């Protein structure tokens, strides 16, 4: 039987029977159980949220690219004339 386990919040070794993790302070009340293992991560909860995130990212890239192209075009026009 192992004398320690890995804290699911910070990954530190915790002795069995210790009331809380000495590294991050998590415990049964704050969630080091299997159910709350991924709560501290910023994961997308549903596929719809992920699709919306990717759509916003694509629009942001398109906008940034358009602005960069426009500024480059203005610079070239100013340079020629």
PDB file of N, CA and C in Angstrom:
ATOM      1  N   UNK A   1       0.847  -1.172   0.000  1.00  0.00           N
ATOM      2  CA  UNK A   1       0.000   0.000   0.000  1.00  0.00           C
ATOM      3  C   UNK A   1       0.896   1.240   0.000  1.00  0.00           C
ATOM      4  N   UNK A   2       0.539   2.219  -0.788  1.00  0.00           N
ATOM      5  CA  UNK A   2       1.340   3.433  -0.912  1.00  0.00           C
ATOM      6  C   UNK A   2       1.135   4.341   0.302  1.00  0.00           C
ATOM      7  N   UNK A   3       2.232   4.953   0.719  1.00  0.00           N
ATOM      8  CA  UNK A   3       2.162   5.882   1.838  1.00  0.00           C
ATOM      9  C   UNK A   3       1.764   7.280   1.401  1.00  0.00           C
ATOM     10  N   UNK A   4       1.834   7.530   0.091  1.00  0.00           N
ATOM     11  CA  UNK A   4       1.510   8.857  -0.436  1.00  0.00           C
ATOM     12  C   UNK A   4       0.585   8.723  -1.646  1.00  0.00           C
ATOM     13  N   UNK A   5      -0.021   9.822  -2.017  1.00  0.00           N
ATOM     14  CA  UNK A   5      -0.782   9.920  -3.258  1.00  0.00           C
ATOM     15  C   UNK A   5      -0.476  11.276  -3.874  1.00  0.00           C
ATOM     16  N   UNK A   6      -0.815  11.421  -5.119  1.00  0.00           N
ATOM     17  CA  UNK A   6      -0.546  12.666  -5.844  1.00  0.00           C
ATOM     18  C   UNK A   6      -1.754  13.576  -5.738  1.00  0.00           C
ATOM     19  N   UNK A   7      -1.537  14.815  -5.325  1.00  0.00           N
ATOM     20  CA  UNK A   7      -2.620  15.808  -5.262  1.00  0.00           C
ATOM     21  C   UNK A   7      -3.094  16.101  -6.686  1.00  0.00           C
ATOM     22  N   UNK A   8      -4.391  15.917  -6.970  1.00  0.00           N
ATOM     23  CA  UNK A   8      -4.880  16.165  -8.327  1.00  0.00           C
ATOM     24  C   UNK A   8      -4.901  17.647  -8.703  1.00  0.00           C
ATOM     25  N   UNK A   9      -4.749  18.525  -7.751  1.00  0.00           N
ATOM     26  CA  UNK A   9      -4.772  19.951  -8.045  1.00  0.00           C
ATOM     27  C   UNK A   9      -3.394  20.438  -8.464  1.00  0.00           C
ATOM     28  N   UNK A  10      -2.355  20.129  -7.670  1.00  0.00           N
ATOM     29  CA  UNK A  10      -1.022  20.664  -7.969  1.00  0.00           C
ATOM     30  C   UNK A  10       0.000  19.602  -8.331  1.00  0.00           C
ATOM     31  N   UNK A  11      -0.314  18.324  -8.106  1.00  0.00           N
ATOM     32  CA  UNK A  11       0.597  17.248  -8.458  1.00  0.00           C
ATOM     33  C   UNK A  11       1.631  16.913  -7.399  1.00  0.00           C
ATOM     34  N   UNK A  12       1.550  17.520  -6.233  1.00  0.00           N
ATOM     35  CA  UNK A  12       2.518  17.260  -5.163  1.00  0.00           C
ATOM     36  C   UNK A  12       2.216  15.929  -4.489  1.00  0.00           C
ATOM     37  N   UNK A  13       3.244  15.322  -3.929  1.00  0.00           N
ATOM     38  CA  UNK A  13       3.074  14.097  -3.143  1.00  0.00           C
ATOM     39  C   UNK A  13       2.454  14.465  -1.790  1.00  0.00           C
ATOM     40  N   UNK A  14       1.400  13.769  -1.404  1.00  0.00           N
ATOM     41  CA  UNK A  14       0.711  14.027  -0.135  1.00  0.00           C
ATOM     42  C   UNK A  14       0.687  12.721   0.649  1.00  0.00           C
ATOM     43  N   UNK A  15       1.063  12.773   1.901  1.00  0.00           N
ATOM     44  CA  UNK A  15       1.025  11.584   2.747  1.00  0.00           C
ATOM     45  C   UNK A  15      -0.426  11.215   3.030  1.00  0.00           C
ATOM     46  N   UNK A  16      -0.698   9.915   3.007  1.00  0.00           N
ATOM     47  CA  UNK A  16      -2.033   9.424   3.318  1.00  0.00           C
ATOM     48  C   UNK A  16      -2.357   9.803   4.757  1.00  0.00           C
ATOM     49  N   UNK A  17      -3.537  10.338   4.983  1.00  0.00           N
ATOM     50  CA  UNK A  17      -3.969  10.753   6.307  1.00  0.00           C
ATOM     51  C   UNK A  17      -3.731  12.222   6.593  1.00  0.00           C
ATOM     52  N   UNK A  18      -2.974  12.914   5.722  1.00  0.00           N
ATOM     53  CA  UNK A  18      -2.751  14.346   5.894  1.00  0.00           C
ATOM     54  C   UNK A  18      -4.068  15.066   5.614  1.00  0.00           C
ATOM     55  N   UNK A  19      -4.455  16.030   6.462  1.00  0.00           N
ATOM     56  CA  UNK A  19      -5.749  16.693   6.264  1.00  0.00           C
ATOM     57  C   UNK A  19      -5.816  17.553   5.011  1.00  0.00           C
ATOM     58  N   UNK A  20      -4.679  18.043   4.523  1.00  0.00           N
ATOM     59  CA  UNK A  20      -4.684  18.860   3.303  1.00  0.00           C
ATOM     60  C   UNK A  20      -3.319  18.776   2.637  1.00  0.00           C
ATOM     61  N   UNK A  21      -3.263  19.185   1.398  1.00  0.00           N
ATOM     62  CA  UNK A  21      -2.008  19.212   0.635  1.00  0.00           C
ATOM     63  C   UNK A  21      -1.133  20.339   1.196  1.00  0.00           C
ATOM     64  N   UNK A  22       0.108  20.013   1.516  1.00  0.00           N
ATOM     65  CA  UNK A  22       1.008  21.023   2.069  1.00  0.00           C
ATOM     66  C   UNK A  22       1.454  22.035   1.014  1.00  0.00           C
ATOM     67  N   UNK A  23       1.325  21.670  -0.257  1.00  0.00           N
ATOM     68  CA  UNK A  23       1.764  22.557  -1.329  1.00  0.00           C
ATOM     69  C   UNK A  23       0.694  23.588  -1.721  1.00  0.00           C
ATOM     70  N   UNK A  24      -0.529  23.127  -1.959  1.00  0.00           N
ATOM     71  CA  UNK A  24      -1.571  24.049  -2.439  1.00  0.00           C
ATOM     72  C   UNK A  24      -2.712  24.252  -1.444  1.00  0.00           C
ATOM     73  N   UNK A  25      -2.798  23.412  -0.418  1.00  0.00           N
ATOM     74  CA  UNK A  25      -3.831  23.578   0.601  1.00  0.00           C
ATOM     75  C   UNK A  25      -5.153  22.926   0.278  1.00  0.00           C
ATOM     76  N   UNK A  26      -5.264  22.216  -0.829  1.00  0.00           N
ATOM     77  CA  UNK A  26      -6.539  21.581  -1.147  1.00  0.00           C
ATOM     78  C   UNK A  26      -6.801  20.416  -0.209  1.00  0.00           C
ATOM     79  N   UNK A  27      -8.076  20.125  -0.016  1.00  0.00           N
ATOM     80  CA  UNK A  27      -8.479  19.010   0.833  1.00  0.00           C
ATOM     81  C   UNK A  27      -9.793  18.456   0.323  1.00  0.00           C
ATOM     82  N   UNK A  28     -10.434  17.606   1.087  1.00  0.00           N
ATOM     83  CA  UNK A  28     -11.696  17.019   0.645  1.00  0.00           C
ATOM     84  C   UNK A  28     -12.766  18.081   0.410  1.00  0.00           C
ATOM     85  N   UNK A  29     -12.769  19.139   1.214  1.00  0.00           N
ATOM     86  CA  UNK A  29     -13.778  20.195   1.064  1.00  0.00           C
ATOM     87  C   UNK A  29     -13.526  21.042  -0.177  1.00  0.00           C
ATOM     88  N   UNK A  30     -12.255  21.326  -0.484  1.00  0.00           N
ATOM     89  CA  UNK A  30     -11.951  22.162  -1.635  1.00  0.00           C
ATOM     90  C   UNK A  30     -11.756  21.357  -2.901  1.00  0.00           C
ATOM     91  N   UNK A  31     -11.689  20.064  -2.780  1.00  0.00           N
ATOM     92  CA  UNK A  31     -11.727  19.214  -3.955  1.00  0.00           C
ATOM     93  C   UNK A  31     -10.424  18.611  -4.414  1.00  0.00           C
ATOM     94  N   UNK A  32     -10.019  17.523  -3.816  1.00  0.00           N
ATOM     95  CA  UNK A  32      -8.955  16.748  -4.410  1.00  0.00           C
ATOM     96  C   UNK A  32      -9.435  15.352  -4.749  1.00  0.00           C
ATOM     97  N   UNK A  33     -10.733  15.231  -4.773  1.00  0.00           N
ATOM     98  CA  UNK A  33     -11.322  13.949  -5.127  1.00  0.00           C
ATOM     99  C   UNK A  33     -11.356  13.792  -6.644  1.00  0.00           C
ATOM    100  N   UNK A  34     -11.630  12.598  -7.102  1.00  0.00           N
ATOM    101  CA  UNK A  34     -11.662  12.310  -8.533  1.00  0.00           C
ATOM    102  C   UNK A  34     -12.690  13.168  -9.284  1.00  0.00           C
ATOM    103  N   UNK A  35     -13.804  13.501  -8.641  1.00  0.00           N
ATOM    104  CA  UNK A  35     -14.846  14.269  -9.311  1.00  0.00           C
ATOM    105  C   UNK A  35     -14.388  15.685  -9.661  1.00  0.00           C
ATOM    106  N   UNK A  36     -13.496  16.237  -8.886  1.00  0.00           N
ATOM    107  CA  UNK A  36     -13.066  17.620  -9.100  1.00  0.00           C
ATOM    108  C   UNK A  36     -11.659  17.712  -9.685  1.00  0.00           C
ATOM    109  N   UNK A  37     -11.170  16.624 -10.234  1.00  0.00           N
ATOM    110  CA  UNK A  37      -9.804  16.572 -10.737  1.00  0.00           C
ATOM    111  C   UNK A  37      -9.533  17.647 -11.789  1.00  0.00           C
ATOM    112  N   UNK A  38     -10.470  17.904 -12.676  1.00  0.00           N
ATOM    113  CA  UNK A  38     -10.250  18.852 -13.774  1.00  0.00           C
ATOM    114  C   UNK A  38     -10.943  20.194 -13.566  1.00  0.00           C
ATOM    115  N   UNK A  39     -11.451  20.455 -12.374  1.00  0.00           N
ATOM    116  CA  UNK A  39     -12.160  21.705 -12.117  1.00  0.00           C
ATOM    117  C   UNK A  39     -11.272  22.933 -12.243  1.00  0.00           C
ATOM    118  N   UNK A  40     -10.020  22.841 -11.913  1.00  0.00           N
ATOM    119  CA  UNK A  40      -9.129  23.993 -11.971  1.00  0.00           C
ATOM    120  C   UNK A  40      -8.672  24.336 -13.377  1.00  0.00           C
ATOM    121  N   UNK A  41      -8.940  23.462 -14.333  1.00  0.00           N
ATOM    122  CA  UNK A  41      -8.534  23.702 -15.712  1.00  0.00           C
ATOM    123  C   UNK A  41      -9.628  24.441 -16.456  1.00  0.00           C
ATOM    124  N   UNK A  42      -9.235  25.232 -17.437  1.00  0.00           N
ATOM    125  CA  UNK A  42     -10.197  25.993 -18.227  1.00  0.00           C
ATOM    126  C   UNK A  42     -10.591  25.178 -19.455  1.00  0.00           C
ATOM    127  N   UNK A  43     -11.307  24.079 -19.209  1.00  0.00           N
ATOM    128  CA  UNK A  43     -11.738  23.214 -20.302  1.00  0.00           C
ATOM    129  C   UNK A  43     -13.125  23.624 -20.763  1.00  0.00           C
ATOM    130  N   UNK A  44     -13.376  23.454 -22.049  1.00  0.00           N
ATOM    131  CA  UNK A  44     -14.704  23.754 -22.581  1.00  0.00           C
ATOM    132  C   UNK A  44     -15.667  22.665 -22.142  1.00  0.00           C
ATOM    133  N   UNK A  45     -16.793  23.082 -21.639  1.00  0.00           N
ATOM    134  CA  UNK A  45     -17.733  22.127 -21.061  1.00  0.00           C
ATOM    135  C   UNK A  45     -18.485  21.339 -22.126  1.00  0.00           C
ATOM    136  N   UNK A  46     -18.850  21.969 -23.219  1.00  0.00           N
ATOM    137  CA  UNK A  46     -19.616  21.282 -24.243  1.00  0.00           C
ATOM    138  C   UNK A  46     -18.992  21.520 -25.608  1.00  0.00           C
ATOM    139  N   UNK A  47     -19.418  20.744 -26.551  1.00  0.00           N
ATOM    140  CA  UNK A  47     -18.943  20.900 -27.921  1.00  0.00           C
ATOM    141  C   UNK A  47     -19.380  22.242 -28.490  1.00  0.00           C
ATOM    142  N   UNK A  48     -20.586  22.703 -28.128  1.00  0.00           N
ATOM    143  CA  UNK A  48     -21.076  23.989 -28.629  1.00  0.00           C
ATOM    144  C   UNK A  48     -20.177  25.130 -28.181  1.00  0.00           C
ATOM    145  N   UNK A  49     -19.727  25.093 -26.934  1.00  0.00           N
ATOM    146  CA  UNK A  49     -18.818  26.143 -26.446  1.00  0.00           C
ATOM    147  C   UNK A  49     -17.505  26.114 -27.216  1.00  0.00           C
ATOM    148  N   UNK A  50     -17.009  24.919 -27.523  1.00  0.00           N
ATOM    149  CA  UNK A  50     -15.763  24.800 -28.263  1.00  0.00           C
ATOM    150  C   UNK A  50     -15.938  25.334 -29.680  1.00  0.00           C
ATOM    151  N   UNK A  51     -17.059  25.030 -30.317  1.00  0.00           N
ATOM    152  CA  UNK A  51     -17.326  25.520 -31.668  1.00  0.00           C
ATOM    153  C   UNK A  51     -17.414  27.043 -31.660  1.00  0.00           C
ATOM    154  N   UNK A  52     -18.081  27.613 -30.659  1.00  0.00           N
ATOM    155  CA  UNK A  52     -18.163  29.071 -30.559  1.00  0.00           C
ATOM    156  C   UNK A  52     -16.791  29.676 -30.319  1.00  0.00           C
ATOM    157  N   UNK A  53     -15.967  29.049 -29.501  1.00  0.00           N
ATOM    158  CA  UNK A  53     -14.614  29.525 -29.253  1.00  0.00           C
ATOM    159  C   UNK A  53     -13.789  29.516 -30.539  1.00  0.00           C
ATOM    160  N   UNK A  54     -13.854  28.433 -31.291  1.00  0.00           N
ATOM    161  CA  UNK A  54     -13.108  28.342 -32.554  1.00  0.00           C
ATOM    162  C   UNK A  54     -13.619  29.375 -33.559  1.00  0.00           C
ATOM    163  N   UNK A  55     -14.920  29.617 -33.590  1.00  0.00           N
ATOM    164  CA  UNK A  55     -15.490  30.603 -34.502  1.00  0.00           C
ATOM    165  C   UNK A  55     -14.984  32.002 -34.149  1.00  0.00           C
ATOM    166  N   UNK A  56     -14.974  32.339 -32.849  1.00  0.00           N
ATOM    167  CA  UNK A  56     -14.457  33.649 -32.430  1.00  0.00           C
ATOM    168  C   UNK A  56     -12.978  33.784 -32.753  1.00  0.00           C
ATOM    169  N   UNK A  57     -12.227  32.704 -32.593  1.00  0.00           N
ATOM    170  CA  UNK A  57     -10.803  32.724 -32.900  1.00  0.00           C
ATOM    171  C   UNK A  57     -10.585  32.953 -34.395  1.00  0.00           C
ATOM    172  N   UNK A  58     -11.385  32.306 -35.234  1.00  0.00           N
ATOM    173  CA  UNK A  58     -11.264  32.463 -36.680  1.00  0.00           C
ATOM    174  C   UNK A  58     -11.620  33.891 -37.096  1.00  0.00           C
ATOM    175  N   UNK A  59     -12.672  34.440 -36.519  1.00  0.00           N
ATOM    176  CA  UNK A  59     -13.073  35.817 -36.829  1.00  0.00           C
ATOM    177  C   UNK A  59     -11.992  36.793 -36.395  1.00  0.00           C
ATOM    178  N   UNK A  60     -11.402  36.552 -35.239  1.00  0.00           N
ATOM    179  CA  UNK A  60     -10.326  37.410 -34.745  1.00  0.00           C
ATOM    180  C   UNK A  60      -9.127  37.373 -35.680  1.00  0.00           C
ATOM    181  N   UNK A  61      -8.758  36.197 -36.136  1.00  0.00           N
ATOM    182  CA  UNK A  61      -7.640  36.072 -37.079  1.00  0.00           C
ATOM    183  C   UNK A  61      -7.967  36.763 -38.395  1.00  0.00           C
ATOM    184  N   UNK A  62      -9.183  36.601 -38.875  1.00  0.00           N
ATOM    185  CA  UNK A  62      -9.591  37.237 -40.120  1.00  0.00           C
ATOM    186  C   UNK A  62      -9.540  38.751 -39.992  1.00  0.00           C
ATOM    187  N   UNK A  63     -10.024  39.281 -38.877  1.00  0.00           N
ATOM    188  CA  UNK A  63     -10.002  40.720 -38.649  1.00  0.00           C
ATOM    189  C   UNK A  63      -8.566  41.233 -38.582  1.00  0.00           C
ATOM    190  N   UNK A  64      -7.711  40.534 -37.834  1.00  0.00           N
ATOM    191  CA  UNK A  64      -6.314  40.937 -37.701  1.00  0.00           C
ATOM    192  C   UNK A  64      -5.613  40.904 -39.058  1.00  0.00           C
ATOM    193  N   UNK A  65      -5.853  39.868 -39.831  1.00  0.00           N
ATOM    194  CA  UNK A  65      -5.267  39.763 -41.167  1.00  0.00           C
ATOM    195  C   UNK A  65      -5.756  40.865 -42.092  1.00  0.00           C
ATOM    196  N   UNK A  66      -7.039  41.190 -42.007  1.00  0.00           N
ATOM    197  CA  UNK A  66      -7.599  42.248 -42.848  1.00  0.00           C
ATOM    198  C   UNK A  66      -6.995  43.606 -42.504  1.00  0.00           C
ATOM    199  N   UNK A  67      -6.853  43.886 -41.230  1.00  0.00           N
ATOM    200  CA  UNK A  67      -6.257  45.149 -40.798  1.00  0.00           C
ATOM    201  C   UNK A  67      -4.802  45.218 -41.249  1.00  0.00           C
ATOM    202  N   UNK A  68      -4.067  44.121 -41.102  1.00  0.00           N
ATOM    203  CA  UNK A  68      -2.662  44.100 -41.526  1.00  0.00           C
ATOM    204  C   UNK A  68      -2.552  44.316 -43.032  1.00  0.00           C
ATOM    205  N   UNK A  69      -3.409  43.660 -43.805  1.00  0.00           N
ATOM    206  CA  UNK A  69      -3.399  43.833 -45.263  1.00  0.00           C
ATOM    207  C   UNK A  69      -3.727  45.275 -45.632  1.00  0.00           C
ATOM    208  N   UNK A  70      -4.730  45.863 -44.978  1.00  0.00           N
ATOM    209  CA  UNK A  70      -5.114  47.237 -45.264  1.00  0.00           C
ATOM    210  C   UNK A  70      -3.970  48.204 -44.964  1.00  0.00           C
ATOM    211  N   UNK A  71      -3.301  48.026 -43.829  1.00  0.00           N
ATOM    212  CA  UNK A  71      -2.183  48.896 -43.479  1.00  0.00           C
ATOM    213  C   UNK A  71      -1.018  48.728 -44.445  1.00  0.00           C
ATOM    214  N   UNK A  72      -0.757  47.497 -44.872  1.00  0.00           N
ATOM    215  CA  UNK A  72       0.287  47.255 -45.858  1.00  0.00           C
ATOM    216  C   UNK A  72      -0.069  47.918 -47.188  1.00  0.00           C
ATOM    217  N   UNK A  73      -1.320  47.832 -47.581  1.00  0.00           N
ATOM    218  CA  UNK A  73      -1.781  48.461 -48.817  1.00  0.00           C
ATOM    219  C   UNK A  73      -1.602  49.984 -48.746  1.00  0.00           C
ATOM    220  N   UNK A  74      -1.994  50.591 -47.630  1.00  0.00           N
ATOM    221  CA  UNK A  74      -1.825  52.035 -47.443  1.00  0.00           C
ATOM    222  C   UNK A  74      -0.348  52.408 -47.499  1.00  0.00           C
ATOM    223  N   UNK A  75       0.516  51.619 -46.880  1.00  0.00           N
ATOM    224  CA  UNK A  75       1.952  51.891 -46.890  1.00  0.00           C
ATOM    225  C   UNK A  75       2.500  51.822 -48.308  1.00  0.00           C
ATOM    226  N   UNK A  76       2.080  50.837 -49.079  1.00  0.00           N
ATOM    227  CA  UNK A  76       2.560  50.711 -50.464  1.00  0.00           C
ATOM    228  C   UNK A  76       2.080  51.881 -51.303  1.00  0.00           C
ATOM    229  N   UNK A  77       0.826  52.279 -51.146  1.00  0.00           N
ATOM    230  CA  UNK A  77       0.283  53.417 -51.910  1.00  0.00           C
ATOM    231  C   UNK A  77       1.062  54.684 -51.553  1.00  0.00           C
ATOM    232  N   UNK A  78       1.333  54.922 -50.274  1.00  0.00           N
ATOM    233  CA  UNK A  78       2.096  56.097 -49.853  1.00  0.00           C
ATOM    234  C   UNK A  78       3.516  56.054 -50.407  1.00  0.00           C
ATOM    235  N   UNK A  79       4.119  54.873 -50.457  1.00  0.00           N
ATOM    236  CA  UNK A  79       5.480  54.728 -50.948  1.00  0.00           C
ATOM    237  C   UNK A  79       5.550  55.003 -52.453  1.00  0.00           C
ATOM    238  N   UNK A  80       4.542  54.556 -53.214  1.00  0.00           N
ATOM    239  CA  UNK A  80       4.543  54.748 -54.681  1.00  0.00           C
ATOM    240  C   UNK A  80       4.237  56.198 -55.018  1.00  0.00           C
ATOM    241  N   UNK A  81       3.317  56.808 -54.349  1.00  0.00           N
ATOM    242  CA  UNK A  81       2.934  58.178 -54.695  1.00  0.00           C
ATOM    243  C   UNK A  81       3.585  59.092 -53.725  1.00  0.00           C
TER     244      UNK A  81
END
